[in-house]
Amino acid sequence: MTDSSPLKLRLRLNGPHGIVMGPGRADLLSFIAQTGSIAAAGRRMGMSYKRAWNLVESLNTTFSAPLVETAKGGAAHGGARLTKLGTELLAAYRALEDATQAAGAEALHRIESALSVPPAQNPR
């Protein structure tokens, strides 16, 4: 499967109370790690600070320990960073994504080749 494929395999882990981890949550964690800021991570994803903060709170309460820790103090002294557990779980999720893509590549190719609209003409 290439990046230009009309079919995308997206991994979402669901638990008894909803989404545990998915592409959006993983991307938010990645951007927090890169920027040191929940607000900046949310902006990169085109979401409001409130939405980003709610997702962080959800992640922090879903697992046995927080994935993101914050420091108060505004732009000059505050910020956010992944905890050790956050870094480990993000790496585990990314590894699971890679394994899923590799394992599903042949099946996706077969499905793609059976589409009624050739991939170059498929609007999605």
PDB file of N, CA and C in Angstrom:
ATOM      1  N   MET A   1       0.837  -1.172   0.000  1.00  0.00           N
ATOM      2  CA  MET A   1       0.000   0.000   0.000  1.00  0.00           C
ATOM      3  C   MET A   1       0.880   1.234   0.000  1.00  0.00           C
ATOM      4  N   THR A   2       0.595   2.169  -0.865  1.00  0.00           N
ATOM      5  CA  THR A   2       1.367   3.397  -0.919  1.00  0.00           C
ATOM      6  C   THR A   2       0.583   4.515  -0.249  1.00  0.00           C
ATOM      7  N   ASP A   3       1.256   5.634  -0.014  1.00  0.00           N
ATOM      8  CA  ASP A   3       0.594   6.791   0.576  1.00  0.00           C
ATOM      9  C   ASP A   3      -0.501   7.337  -0.318  1.00  0.00           C
ATOM     10  N   SER A   4      -0.432   7.083  -1.623  1.00  0.00           N
ATOM     11  CA  SER A   4      -1.440   7.586  -2.544  1.00  0.00           C
ATOM     12  C   SER A   4      -2.646   6.656  -2.641  1.00  0.00           C
ATOM     13  N   SER A   5      -2.651   5.592  -1.917  1.00  0.00           N
ATOM     14  CA  SER A   5      -3.761   4.651  -1.934  1.00  0.00           C
ATOM     15  C   SER A   5      -5.034   5.321  -1.430  1.00  0.00           C
ATOM     16  N   PRO A   6      -6.174   5.029  -2.073  1.00  0.00           N
ATOM     17  CA  PRO A   6      -7.432   5.597  -1.588  1.00  0.00           C
ATOM     18  C   PRO A   6      -7.899   4.943  -0.292  1.00  0.00           C
ATOM     19  N   LEU A   7      -7.363   3.797   0.027  1.00  0.00           N
ATOM     20  CA  LEU A   7      -7.748   3.112   1.255  1.00  0.00           C
ATOM     21  C   LEU A   7      -6.723   3.382   2.346  1.00  0.00           C
ATOM     22  N   LYS A   8      -7.214   3.686   3.503  1.00  0.00           N
ATOM     23  CA  LYS A   8      -6.352   3.943   4.662  1.00  0.00           C
ATOM     24  C   LYS A   8      -6.800   3.039   5.790  1.00  0.00           C
ATOM     25  N   LEU A   9      -5.865   2.389   6.391  1.00  0.00           N
ATOM     26  CA  LEU A   9      -6.118   1.551   7.542  1.00  0.00           C
ATOM     27  C   LEU A   9      -5.791   2.382   8.775  1.00  0.00           C
ATOM     28  N   ARG A  10      -6.782   2.596   9.636  1.00  0.00           N
ATOM     29  CA  ARG A  10      -6.597   3.416  10.835  1.00  0.00           C
ATOM     30  C   ARG A  10      -6.896   2.559  12.057  1.00  0.00           C
ATOM     31  N   LEU A  11      -5.990   2.574  12.980  1.00  0.00           N
ATOM     32  CA  LEU A  11      -6.086   1.744  14.167  1.00  0.00           C
ATOM     33  C   LEU A  11      -6.687   2.545  15.320  1.00  0.00           C
ATOM     34  N   ARG A  12      -7.741   2.000  15.910  1.00  0.00           N
ATOM     35  CA  ARG A  12      -8.352   2.618  17.085  1.00  0.00           C
ATOM     36  C   ARG A  12      -8.574   1.527  18.121  1.00  0.00           C
ATOM     37  N   LEU A  13      -8.092   1.775  19.321  1.00  0.00           N
ATOM     38  CA  LEU A  13      -8.235   0.818  20.409  1.00  0.00           C
ATOM     39  C   LEU A  13      -9.403   1.248  21.285  1.00  0.00           C
ATOM     40  N   ASN A  14     -10.402   0.377  21.385  1.00  0.00           N
ATOM     41  CA  ASN A  14     -11.577   0.665  22.198  1.00  0.00           C
ATOM     42  C   ASN A  14     -11.545  -0.174  23.458  1.00  0.00           C
ATOM     43  N   GLY A  15     -11.934   0.440  24.559  1.00  0.00           N
ATOM     44  CA  GLY A  15     -12.031  -0.256  25.831  1.00  0.00           C
ATOM     45  C   GLY A  15     -13.477  -0.275  26.278  1.00  0.00           C
ATOM     46  N   PRO A  16     -13.706  -0.728  27.482  1.00  0.00           N
ATOM     47  CA  PRO A  16     -15.080  -0.838  27.973  1.00  0.00           C
ATOM     48  C   PRO A  16     -15.812   0.502  28.061  1.00  0.00           C
ATOM     49  N   HIS A  17     -15.067   1.600  28.145  1.00  0.00           N
ATOM     50  CA  HIS A  17     -15.704   2.914  28.302  1.00  0.00           C
ATOM     51  C   HIS A  17     -15.439   3.840  27.118  1.00  0.00           C
ATOM     52  N   GLY A  18     -15.030   3.289  25.996  1.00  0.00           N
ATOM     53  CA  GLY A  18     -14.812   4.117  24.815  1.00  0.00           C
ATOM     54  C   GLY A  18     -13.410   3.984  24.261  1.00  0.00           C
ATOM     55  N   ILE A  19     -13.013   5.011  23.515  1.00  0.00           N
ATOM     56  CA  ILE A  19     -11.717   4.995  22.850  1.00  0.00           C
ATOM     57  C   ILE A  19     -10.598   5.104  23.875  1.00  0.00           C
ATOM     58  N   VAL A  20      -9.653   4.196  23.794  1.00  0.00           N
ATOM     59  CA  VAL A  20      -8.466   4.216  24.640  1.00  0.00           C
ATOM     60  C   VAL A  20      -7.354   4.983  23.928  1.00  0.00           C
ATOM     61  N   MET A  21      -7.137   4.638  22.664  1.00  0.00           N
ATOM     62  CA  MET A  21      -6.103   5.302  21.866  1.00  0.00           C
ATOM     63  C   MET A  21      -6.481   5.157  20.399  1.00  0.00           C
ATOM     64  N   GLY A  22      -6.229   6.207  19.651  1.00  0.00           N
ATOM     65  CA  GLY A  22      -6.484   6.200  18.225  1.00  0.00           C
ATOM     66  C   GLY A  22      -5.541   7.181  17.559  1.00  0.00           C
ATOM     67  N   PRO A  23      -5.674   7.354  16.255  1.00  0.00           N
ATOM     68  CA  PRO A  23      -4.748   8.227  15.535  1.00  0.00           C
ATOM     69  C   PRO A  23      -4.741   9.666  16.054  1.00  0.00           C
ATOM     70  N   GLY A  24      -5.897  10.209  16.356  1.00  0.00           N
ATOM     71  CA  GLY A  24      -5.960  11.590  16.834  1.00  0.00           C
ATOM     72  C   GLY A  24      -5.314  11.772  18.193  1.00  0.00           C
ATOM     73  N   ARG A  25      -5.579  10.871  19.095  1.00  0.00           N
ATOM     74  CA  ARG A  25      -4.987  10.952  20.429  1.00  0.00           C
ATOM     75  C   ARG A  25      -3.477  10.764  20.352  1.00  0.00           C
ATOM     76  N   ALA A  26      -3.050   9.830  19.503  1.00  0.00           N
ATOM     77  CA  ALA A  26      -1.609   9.603  19.342  1.00  0.00           C
ATOM     78  C   ALA A  26      -0.936  10.832  18.732  1.00  0.00           C
ATOM     79  N   ASP A  27      -1.577  11.431  17.737  1.00  0.00           N
ATOM     80  CA  ASP A  27      -1.014  12.646  17.138  1.00  0.00           C
ATOM     81  C   ASP A  27      -0.942  13.769  18.162  1.00  0.00           C
ATOM     82  N   LEU A  28      -1.981  13.915  18.985  1.00  0.00           N
ATOM     83  CA  LEU A  28      -1.962  14.954  20.018  1.00  0.00           C
ATOM     84  C   LEU A  28      -0.781  14.733  20.968  1.00  0.00           C
ATOM     85  N   LEU A  29      -0.575  13.497  21.399  1.00  0.00           N
ATOM     86  CA  LEU A  29       0.569  13.205  22.269  1.00  0.00           C
ATOM     87  C   LEU A  29       1.885  13.538  21.564  1.00  0.00           C
ATOM     88  N   SER A  30       1.996  13.182  20.299  1.00  0.00           N
ATOM     89  CA  SER A  30       3.218  13.480  19.542  1.00  0.00           C
ATOM     90  C   SER A  30       3.469  14.979  19.473  1.00  0.00           C
ATOM     91  N   PHE A  31       2.429  15.744  19.207  1.00  0.00           N
ATOM     92  CA  PHE A  31       2.587  17.194  19.104  1.00  0.00           C
ATOM     93  C   PHE A  31       2.886  17.827  20.464  1.00  0.00           C
ATOM     94  N   ILE A  32       2.326  17.281  21.529  1.00  0.00           N
ATOM     95  CA  ILE A  32       2.668  17.777  22.862  1.00  0.00           C
ATOM     96  C   ILE A  32       4.151  17.531  23.124  1.00  0.00           C
ATOM     97  N   ALA A  33       4.619  16.346  22.762  1.00  0.00           N
ATOM     98  CA  ALA A  33       6.041  16.032  22.953  1.00  0.00           C
ATOM     99  C   ALA A  33       6.919  16.986  22.142  1.00  0.00           C
ATOM    100  N   GLN A  34       6.481  17.327  20.933  1.00  0.00           N
ATOM    101  CA  GLN A  34       7.270  18.205  20.057  1.00  0.00           C
ATOM    102  C   GLN A  34       7.248  19.662  20.514  1.00  0.00           C
ATOM    103  N   THR A  35       6.076  20.128  20.952  1.00  0.00           N
ATOM    104  CA  THR A  35       5.910  21.556  21.230  1.00  0.00           C
ATOM    105  C   THR A  35       6.030  21.924  22.698  1.00  0.00           C
ATOM    106  N   GLY A  36       5.811  20.955  23.595  1.00  0.00           N
ATOM    107  CA  GLY A  36       5.801  21.258  25.016  1.00  0.00           C
ATOM    108  C   GLY A  36       4.573  22.039  25.447  1.00  0.00           C
ATOM    109  N   SER A  37       3.506  21.944  24.648  1.00  0.00           N
ATOM    110  CA  SER A  37       2.313  22.749  24.910  1.00  0.00           C
ATOM    111  C   SER A  37       1.060  22.039  24.414  1.00  0.00           C
ATOM    112  N   ILE A  38       0.043  21.976  25.272  1.00  0.00           N
ATOM    113  CA  ILE A  38      -1.242  21.421  24.843  1.00  0.00           C
ATOM    114  C   ILE A  38      -1.891  22.356  23.833  1.00  0.00           C
ATOM    115  N   ALA A  39      -1.830  23.662  24.081  1.00  0.00           N
ATOM    116  CA  ALA A  39      -2.433  24.640  23.171  1.00  0.00           C
ATOM    117  C   ALA A  39      -1.789  24.569  21.786  1.00  0.00           C
ATOM    118  N   ALA A  40      -0.467  24.536  21.732  1.00  0.00           N
ATOM    119  CA  ALA A  40       0.230  24.478  20.441  1.00  0.00           C
ATOM    120  C   ALA A  40      -0.060  23.161  19.728  1.00  0.00           C
ATOM    121  N   ALA A  41      -0.126  22.074  20.473  1.00  0.00           N
ATOM    122  CA  ALA A  41      -0.447  20.778  19.871  1.00  0.00           C
ATOM    123  C   ALA A  41      -1.847  20.812  19.276  1.00  0.00           C
ATOM    124  N   GLY A  42      -2.798  21.377  20.017  1.00  0.00           N
ATOM    125  CA  GLY A  42      -4.156  21.504  19.509  1.00  0.00           C
ATOM    126  C   GLY A  42      -4.230  22.357  18.253  1.00  0.00           C
ATOM    127  N   ARG A  43      -3.498  23.469  18.253  1.00  0.00           N
ATOM    128  CA  ARG A  43      -3.479  24.343  17.070  1.00  0.00           C
ATOM    129  C   ARG A  43      -2.949  23.593  15.850  1.00  0.00           C
ATOM    130  N   ARG A  44      -1.902  22.806  16.035  1.00  0.00           N
ATOM    131  CA  ARG A  44      -1.347  22.034  14.904  1.00  0.00           C
ATOM    132  C   ARG A  44      -2.379  21.075  14.331  1.00  0.00           C
ATOM    133  N   MET A  45      -3.300  20.642  15.184  1.00  0.00           N
ATOM    134  CA  MET A  45      -4.315  19.690  14.747  1.00  0.00           C
ATOM    135  C   MET A  45      -5.615  20.384  14.338  1.00  0.00           C
ATOM    136  N   GLY A  46      -5.642  21.705  14.442  1.00  0.00           N
ATOM    137  CA  GLY A  46      -6.846  22.443  14.073  1.00  0.00           C
ATOM    138  C   GLY A  46      -7.971  22.300  15.081  1.00  0.00           C
ATOM    139  N   MET A  47      -7.629  22.079  16.344  1.00  0.00           N
ATOM    140  CA  MET A  47      -8.662  21.942  17.367  1.00  0.00           C
ATOM    141  C   MET A  47      -8.492  23.020  18.431  1.00  0.00           C
ATOM    142  N   SER A  48      -9.549  23.264  19.139  1.00  0.00           N
ATOM    143  CA  SER A  48      -9.510  24.269  20.196  1.00  0.00           C
ATOM    144  C   SER A  48      -8.679  23.759  21.374  1.00  0.00           C
ATOM    145  N   TYR A  49      -8.227  24.713  22.180  1.00  0.00           N
ATOM    146  CA  TYR A  49      -7.500  24.353  23.396  1.00  0.00           C
ATOM    147  C   TYR A  49      -8.389  23.503  24.290  1.00  0.00           C
ATOM    148  N   LYS A  50      -9.661  23.856  24.401  1.00  0.00           N
ATOM    149  CA  LYS A  50     -10.585  23.101  25.251  1.00  0.00           C
ATOM    150  C   LYS A  50     -10.685  21.650  24.800  1.00  0.00           C
ATOM    151  N   ARG A  51     -10.803  21.429  23.504  1.00  0.00           N
ATOM    152  CA  ARG A  51     -10.886  20.060  22.974  1.00  0.00           C
ATOM    153  C   ARG A  51      -9.585  19.302  23.256  1.00  0.00           C
ATOM    154  N   ALA A  52      -8.452  19.946  23.018  1.00  0.00           N
ATOM    155  CA  ALA A  52      -7.162  19.304  23.278  1.00  0.00           C
ATOM    156  C   ALA A  52      -7.029  18.976  24.765  1.00  0.00           C
ATOM    157  N   TRP A  53      -7.393  19.926  25.627  1.00  0.00           N
ATOM    158  CA  TRP A  53      -7.302  19.698  27.068  1.00  0.00           C
ATOM    159  C   TRP A  53      -8.216  18.562  27.503  1.00  0.00           C
ATOM    160  N   ASN A  54      -9.436  18.510  26.950  1.00  0.00           N
ATOM    161  CA  ASN A  54     -10.364  17.420  27.282  1.00  0.00           C
ATOM    162  C   ASN A  54      -9.797  16.060  26.874  1.00  0.00           C
ATOM    163  N   LEU A  55      -9.148  16.001  25.722  1.00  0.00           N
ATOM    164  CA  LEU A  55      -8.538  14.739  25.292  1.00  0.00           C
ATOM    165  C   LEU A  55      -7.396  14.338  26.225  1.00  0.00           C
ATOM    166  N   VAL A  56      -6.593  15.313  26.633  1.00  0.00           N
ATOM    167  CA  VAL A  56      -5.498  15.024  27.571  1.00  0.00           C
ATOM    168  C   VAL A  56      -6.075  14.517  28.896  1.00  0.00           C
ATOM    169  N   GLU A  57      -7.109  15.161  29.394  1.00  0.00           N
ATOM    170  CA  GLU A  57      -7.733  14.705  30.642  1.00  0.00           C
ATOM    171  C   GLU A  57      -8.270  13.287  30.496  1.00  0.00           C
ATOM    172  N   SER A  58      -8.877  13.000  29.351  1.00  0.00           N
ATOM    173  CA  SER A  58      -9.393  11.657  29.101  1.00  0.00           C
ATOM    174  C   SER A  58      -8.262  10.628  29.085  1.00  0.00           C
ATOM    175  N   LEU A  59      -7.176  10.958  28.397  1.00  0.00           N
ATOM    176  CA  LEU A  59      -6.022  10.055  28.368  1.00  0.00           C
ATOM    177  C   LEU A  59      -5.453   9.857  29.768  1.00  0.00           C
ATOM    178  N   ASN A  60      -5.348  10.931  30.513  1.00  0.00           N
ATOM    179  CA  ASN A  60      -4.750  10.848  31.849  1.00  0.00           C
ATOM    180  C   ASN A  60      -5.589  10.016  32.812  1.00  0.00           C
ATOM    181  N   THR A  61      -6.898   9.980  32.623  1.00  0.00           N
ATOM    182  CA  THR A  61      -7.744   9.189  33.525  1.00  0.00           C
ATOM    183  C   THR A  61      -7.996   7.778  33.010  1.00  0.00           C
ATOM    184  N   THR A  62      -7.730   7.541  31.728  1.00  0.00           N
ATOM    185  CA  THR A  62      -7.940   6.210  31.140  1.00  0.00           C
ATOM    186  C   THR A  62      -6.890   5.214  31.602  1.00  0.00           C
ATOM    187  N   PHE A  63      -5.679   5.681  31.794  1.00  0.00           N
ATOM    188  CA  PHE A  63      -4.573   4.788  32.128  1.00  0.00           C
ATOM    189  C   PHE A  63      -4.266   4.825  33.619  1.00  0.00           C
ATOM    190  N   SER A  64      -3.432   3.914  34.056  1.00  0.00           N
ATOM    191  CA  SER A  64      -3.115   3.764  35.482  1.00  0.00           C
ATOM    192  C   SER A  64      -2.364   4.954  36.060  1.00  0.00           C
ATOM    193  N   ALA A  65      -1.757   5.741  35.194  1.00  0.00           N
ATOM    194  CA  ALA A  65      -1.038   6.956  35.594  1.00  0.00           C
ATOM    195  C   ALA A  65      -1.164   7.943  34.436  1.00  0.00           C
ATOM    196  N   PRO A  66      -0.985   9.238  34.694  1.00  0.00           N
ATOM    197  CA  PRO A  66      -1.107  10.228  33.627  1.00  0.00           C
ATOM    198  C   PRO A  66      -0.094  10.011  32.500  1.00  0.00           C
ATOM    199  N   LEU A  67      -0.524  10.363  31.281  1.00  0.00           N
ATOM    200  CA  LEU A  67       0.360  10.311  30.121  1.00  0.00           C
ATOM    201  C   LEU A  67       0.987  11.670  29.847  1.00  0.00           C
ATOM    202  N   VAL A  68       0.334  12.729  30.327  1.00  0.00           N
ATOM    203  CA  VAL A  68       0.797  14.104  30.123  1.00  0.00           C
ATOM    204  C   VAL A  68       0.810  14.799  31.471  1.00  0.00           C
ATOM    205  N   GLU A  69       1.905  15.504  31.735  1.00  0.00           N
ATOM    206  CA  GLU A  69       1.947  16.330  32.936  1.00  0.00           C
ATOM    207  C   GLU A  69       2.114  17.778  32.518  1.00  0.00           C
ATOM    208  N   THR A  70       1.509  18.662  33.296  1.00  0.00           N
ATOM    209  CA  THR A  70       1.544  20.080  32.971  1.00  0.00           C
ATOM    210  C   THR A  70       2.195  20.857  34.095  1.00  0.00           C
ATOM    211  N   ALA A  71       2.727  22.015  33.731  1.00  0.00           N
ATOM    212  CA  ALA A  71       3.295  22.948  34.702  1.00  0.00           C
ATOM    213  C   ALA A  71       2.614  24.286  34.491  1.00  0.00           C
ATOM    214  N   LYS A  72       2.137  24.884  35.556  1.00  0.00           N
ATOM    215  CA  LYS A  72       1.473  26.188  35.465  1.00  0.00           C
ATOM    216  C   LYS A  72       2.518  27.277  35.334  1.00  0.00           C
ATOM    217  N   GLY A  73       2.097  28.394  34.754  1.00  0.00           N
ATOM    218  CA  GLY A  73       3.013  29.513  34.688  1.00  0.00           C
ATOM    219  C   GLY A  73       2.955  30.298  33.400  1.00  0.00           C
ATOM    220  N   GLY A  74       2.035  29.984  32.517  1.00  0.00           N
ATOM    221  CA  GLY A  74       1.924  30.751  31.290  1.00  0.00           C
ATOM    222  C   GLY A  74       2.971  30.369  30.258  1.00  0.00           C
ATOM    223  N   ALA A  75       3.028  31.146  29.219  1.00  0.00           N
ATOM    224  CA  ALA A  75       3.891  30.828  28.071  1.00  0.00           C
ATOM    225  C   ALA A  75       5.370  30.772  28.441  1.00  0.00           C
ATOM    226  N   ALA A  76       5.779  31.608  29.363  1.00  0.00           N
ATOM    227  CA  ALA A  76       7.206  31.672  29.696  1.00  0.00           C
ATOM    228  C   ALA A  76       7.660  30.527  30.589  1.00  0.00           C
ATOM    229  N   HIS A  77       6.777  30.042  31.456  1.00  0.00           N
ATOM    230  CA  HIS A  77       7.221  29.053  32.436  1.00  0.00           C
ATOM    231  C   HIS A  77       6.383  27.782  32.466  1.00  0.00           C
ATOM    232  N   GLY A  78       5.220  27.811  31.877  1.00  0.00           N
ATOM    233  CA  GLY A  78       4.340  26.657  31.905  1.00  0.00           C
ATOM    234  C   GLY A  78       4.674  25.688  30.798  1.00  0.00           C
ATOM    235  N   GLY A  79       3.769  24.771  30.599  1.00  0.00           N
ATOM    236  CA  GLY A  79       3.958  23.839  29.506  1.00  0.00           C
ATOM    237  C   GLY A  79       3.434  22.468  29.836  1.00  0.00           C
ATOM    238  N   ALA A  80       3.684  21.558  28.941  1.00  0.00           N
ATOM    239  CA  ALA A  80       3.234  20.181  29.091  1.00  0.00           C
ATOM    240  C   ALA A  80       4.287  19.261  28.503  1.00  0.00           C
ATOM    241  N   ARG A  81       4.339  18.073  29.054  1.00  0.00           N
ATOM    242  CA  ARG A  81       5.261  17.080  28.509  1.00  0.00           C
ATOM    243  C   ARG A  81       4.695  15.698  28.757  1.00  0.00           C
ATOM    244  N   LEU A  82       5.134  14.756  27.956  1.00  0.00           N
ATOM    245  CA  LEU A  82       4.716  13.377  28.170  1.00  0.00           C
ATOM    246  C   LEU A  82       5.455  12.808  29.367  1.00  0.00           C
ATOM    247  N   THR A  83       4.751  12.025  30.139  1.00  0.00           N
ATOM    248  CA  THR A  83       5.397  11.291  31.220  1.00  0.00           C
ATOM    249  C   THR A  83       6.124  10.096  30.612  1.00  0.00           C
ATOM    250  N   LYS A  84       6.842   9.381  31.431  1.00  0.00           N
ATOM    251  CA  LYS A  84       7.515   8.170  30.953  1.00  0.00           C
ATOM    252  C   LYS A  84       6.484   7.198  30.390  1.00  0.00           C
ATOM    253  N   LEU A  85       5.371   7.034  31.108  1.00  0.00           N
ATOM    254  CA  LEU A  85       4.313   6.138  30.623  1.00  0.00           C
ATOM    255  C   LEU A  85       3.736   6.649  29.310  1.00  0.00           C
ATOM    256  N   GLY A  86       3.539   7.965  29.193  1.00  0.00           N
ATOM    257  CA  GLY A  86       3.024   8.539  27.953  1.00  0.00           C
ATOM    258  C   GLY A  86       3.933   8.254  26.781  1.00  0.00           C
ATOM    259  N   THR A  87       5.224   8.423  26.983  1.00  0.00           N
ATOM    260  CA  THR A  87       6.206   8.151  25.929  1.00  0.00           C
ATOM    261  C   THR A  87       6.189   6.671  25.553  1.00  0.00           C
ATOM    262  N   GLU A  88       6.123   5.799  26.548  1.00  0.00           N
ATOM    263  CA  GLU A  88       6.116   4.355  26.293  1.00  0.00           C
ATOM    264  C   GLU A  88       4.852   3.917  25.551  1.00  0.00           C
ATOM    265  N   LEU A  89       3.691   4.435  25.974  1.00  0.00           N
ATOM    266  CA  LEU A  89       2.442   4.030  25.334  1.00  0.00           C
ATOM    267  C   LEU A  89       2.315   4.594  23.925  1.00  0.00           C
ATOM    268  N   LEU A  90       2.812   5.810  23.709  1.00  0.00           N
ATOM    269  CA  LEU A  90       2.801   6.363  22.358  1.00  0.00           C
ATOM    270  C   LEU A  90       3.680   5.508  21.445  1.00  0.00           C
ATOM    271  N   ALA A  91       4.852   5.117  21.911  1.00  0.00           N
ATOM    272  CA  ALA A  91       5.743   4.257  21.112  1.00  0.00           C
ATOM    273  C   ALA A  91       5.084   2.900  20.845  1.00  0.00           C
ATOM    274  N   ALA A  92       4.406   2.345  21.839  1.00  0.00           N
ATOM    275  CA  ALA A  92       3.731   1.057  21.661  1.00  0.00           C
ATOM    276  C   ALA A  92       2.604   1.173  20.642  1.00  0.00           C
ATOM    277  N   TYR A  93       1.837   2.253  20.709  1.00  0.00           N
ATOM    278  CA  TYR A  93       0.755   2.460  19.751  1.00  0.00           C
ATOM    279  C   TYR A  93       1.316   2.628  18.336  1.00  0.00           C
ATOM    280  N   ARG A  94       2.382   3.412  18.186  1.00  0.00           N
ATOM    281  CA  ARG A  94       2.985   3.601  16.857  1.00  0.00           C
ATOM    282  C   ARG A  94       3.522   2.282  16.318  1.00  0.00           C
ATOM    283  N   ALA A  95       4.104   1.451  17.178  1.00  0.00           N
ATOM    284  CA  ALA A  95       4.592   0.136  16.741  1.00  0.00           C
ATOM    285  C   ALA A  95       3.420  -0.744  16.299  1.00  0.00           C
ATOM    286  N   LEU A  96       2.320  -0.668  17.018  1.00  0.00           N
ATOM    287  CA  LEU A  96       1.127  -1.426  16.652  1.00  0.00           C
ATOM    288  C   LEU A  96       0.553  -0.918  15.328  1.00  0.00           C
ATOM    289  N   GLU A  97       0.574   0.383  15.109  1.00  0.00           N
ATOM    290  CA  GLU A  97       0.150   0.942  13.817  1.00  0.00           C
ATOM    291  C   GLU A  97       1.007   0.392  12.679  1.00  0.00           C
ATOM    292  N   ASP A  98       2.322   0.411  12.866  1.00  0.00           N
ATOM    293  CA  ASP A  98       3.235  -0.089  11.830  1.00  0.00           C
ATOM    294  C   ASP A  98       2.992  -1.564  11.544  1.00  0.00           C
ATOM    295  N   ALA A  99       2.813  -2.350  12.594  1.00  0.00           N
ATOM    296  CA  ALA A  99       2.568  -3.788  12.417  1.00  0.00           C
ATOM    297  C   ALA A  99       1.239  -4.026  11.717  1.00  0.00           C
ATOM    298  N   THR A 100       0.237  -3.234  12.045  1.00  0.00           N
ATOM    299  CA  THR A 100      -1.075  -3.366  11.409  1.00  0.00           C
ATOM    300  C   THR A 100      -0.990  -3.021   9.929  1.00  0.00           C
ATOM    301  N   GLN A 101      -0.274  -1.945   9.604  1.00  0.00           N
ATOM    302  CA  GLN A 101      -0.108  -1.564   8.195  1.00  0.00           C
ATOM    303  C   GLN A 101       0.600  -2.669   7.419  1.00  0.00           C
ATOM    304  N   ALA A 102       1.663  -3.195   7.994  1.00  0.00           N
ATOM    305  CA  ALA A 102       2.420  -4.251   7.315  1.00  0.00           C
ATOM    306  C   ALA A 102       1.575  -5.506   7.136  1.00  0.00           C
ATOM    307  N   ALA A 103       0.863  -5.895   8.182  1.00  0.00           N
ATOM    308  CA  ALA A 103       0.058  -7.116   8.119  1.00  0.00           C
ATOM    309  C   ALA A 103      -1.126  -6.965   7.166  1.00  0.00           C
ATOM    310  N   GLY A 104      -1.648  -5.751   7.035  1.00  0.00           N
ATOM    311  CA  GLY A 104      -2.823  -5.545   6.201  1.00  0.00           C
ATOM    312  C   GLY A 104      -2.549  -5.114   4.782  1.00  0.00           C
ATOM    313  N   ALA A 105      -1.299  -4.906   4.419  1.00  0.00           N
ATOM    314  CA  ALA A 105      -0.964  -4.355   3.099  1.00  0.00           C
ATOM    315  C   ALA A 105      -1.509  -5.213   1.955  1.00  0.00           C
ATOM    316  N   GLU A 106      -1.317  -6.509   2.009  1.00  0.00           N
ATOM    317  CA  GLU A 106      -1.774  -7.377   0.919  1.00  0.00           C
ATOM    318  C   GLU A 106      -3.294  -7.383   0.818  1.00  0.00           C
ATOM    319  N   ALA A 107      -3.973  -7.484   1.944  1.00  0.00           N
ATOM    320  CA  ALA A 107      -5.439  -7.490   1.930  1.00  0.00           C
ATOM    321  C   ALA A 107      -5.977  -6.153   1.430  1.00  0.00           C
ATOM    322  N   LEU A 108      -5.369  -5.053   1.844  1.00  0.00           N
ATOM    323  CA  LEU A 108      -5.799  -3.741   1.355  1.00  0.00           C
ATOM    324  C   LEU A 108      -5.606  -3.636  -0.158  1.00  0.00           C
ATOM    325  N   HIS A 109      -4.504  -4.165  -0.646  1.00  0.00           N
ATOM    326  CA  HIS A 109      -4.251  -4.138  -2.091  1.00  0.00           C
ATOM    327  C   HIS A 109      -5.341  -4.916  -2.831  1.00  0.00           C
ATOM    328  N   ARG A 110      -5.718  -6.088  -2.294  1.00  0.00           N
ATOM    329  CA  ARG A 110      -6.769  -6.887  -2.938  1.00  0.00           C
ATOM    330  C   ARG A 110      -8.097  -6.133  -2.937  1.00  0.00           C
ATOM    331  N   ILE A 111      -8.429  -5.512  -1.833  1.00  0.00           N
ATOM    332  CA  ILE A 111      -9.678  -4.752  -1.747  1.00  0.00           C
ATOM    333  C   ILE A 111      -9.634  -3.551  -2.684  1.00  0.00           C
ATOM    334  N   GLU A 112      -8.506  -2.860  -2.690  1.00  0.00           N
ATOM    335  CA  GLU A 112      -8.340  -1.692  -3.552  1.00  0.00           C
ATOM    336  C   GLU A 112      -8.514  -2.071  -5.018  1.00  0.00           C
ATOM    337  N   SER A 113      -7.954  -3.207  -5.420  1.00  0.00           N
ATOM    338  CA  SER A 113      -8.038  -3.614  -6.824  1.00  0.00           C
ATOM    339  C   SER A 113      -9.463  -3.999  -7.223  1.00  0.00           C
ATOM    340  N   ALA A 114     -10.327  -4.244  -6.251  1.00  0.00           N
ATOM    341  CA  ALA A 114     -11.708  -4.608  -6.543  1.00  0.00           C
ATOM    342  C   ALA A 114     -12.666  -3.422  -6.496  1.00  0.00           C
ATOM    343  N   LEU A 115     -12.158  -2.244  -6.227  1.00  0.00           N
ATOM    344  CA  LEU A 115     -13.028  -1.061  -6.194  1.00  0.00           C
ATOM    345  C   LEU A 115     -13.637  -0.819  -7.552  1.00  0.00           C
ATOM    346  N   SER A 116     -14.888  -0.348  -7.580  1.00  0.00           N
ATOM    347  CA  SER A 116     -15.557  -0.099  -8.844  1.00  0.00           C
ATOM    348  C   SER A 116     -14.990   1.102  -9.573  1.00  0.00           C
ATOM    349  N   VAL A 117     -14.406   2.047  -8.838  1.00  0.00           N
ATOM    350  CA  VAL A 117     -13.761   3.206  -9.435  1.00  0.00           C
ATOM    351  C   VAL A 117     -12.274   3.004  -9.291  1.00  0.00           C
ATOM    352  N   PRO A 118     -11.519   3.055 -10.384  1.00  0.00           N
ATOM    353  CA  PRO A 118     -10.057   2.883 -10.270  1.00  0.00           C
ATOM    354  C   PRO A 118      -9.484   3.889  -9.270  1.00  0.00           C
ATOM    355  N   PRO A 119      -8.452   3.494  -8.526  1.00  0.00           N
ATOM    356  CA  PRO A 119      -7.887   4.355  -7.491  1.00  0.00           C
ATOM    357  C   PRO A 119      -7.568   5.772  -7.939  1.00  0.00           C
ATOM    358  N   ALA A 120      -7.087   5.973  -9.169  1.00  0.00           N
ATOM    359  CA  ALA A 120      -6.731   7.320  -9.633  1.00  0.00           C
ATOM    360  C   ALA A 120      -7.974   8.195  -9.793  1.00  0.00           C
ATOM    361  N   GLN A 121      -9.153   7.577  -9.983  1.00  0.00           N
ATOM    362  CA  GLN A 121     -10.378   8.333 -10.205  1.00  0.00           C
ATOM    363  C   GLN A 121     -11.247   8.403  -8.949  1.00  0.00           C
ATOM    364  N   ASN A 122     -10.906   7.640  -7.948  1.00  0.00           N
ATOM    365  CA  ASN A 122     -11.706   7.592  -6.723  1.00  0.00           C
ATOM    366  C   ASN A 122     -11.539   8.910  -5.982  1.00  0.00           C
ATOM    367  N   PRO A 123     -12.636   9.633  -5.695  1.00  0.00           N
ATOM    368  CA  PRO A 123     -12.545  10.939  -5.045  1.00  0.00           C
ATOM    369  C   PRO A 123     -12.065  10.873  -3.601  1.00  0.00           C
ATOM    370  N   ARG A 124     -12.127   9.755  -2.971  1.00  0.00           N
ATOM    371  CA  ARG A 124     -11.696   9.634  -1.579  1.00  0.00           C
ATOM    372  C   ARG A 124     -10.322   9.130  -1.584  1.00  0.00           C
TER     373      ARG A 124
END
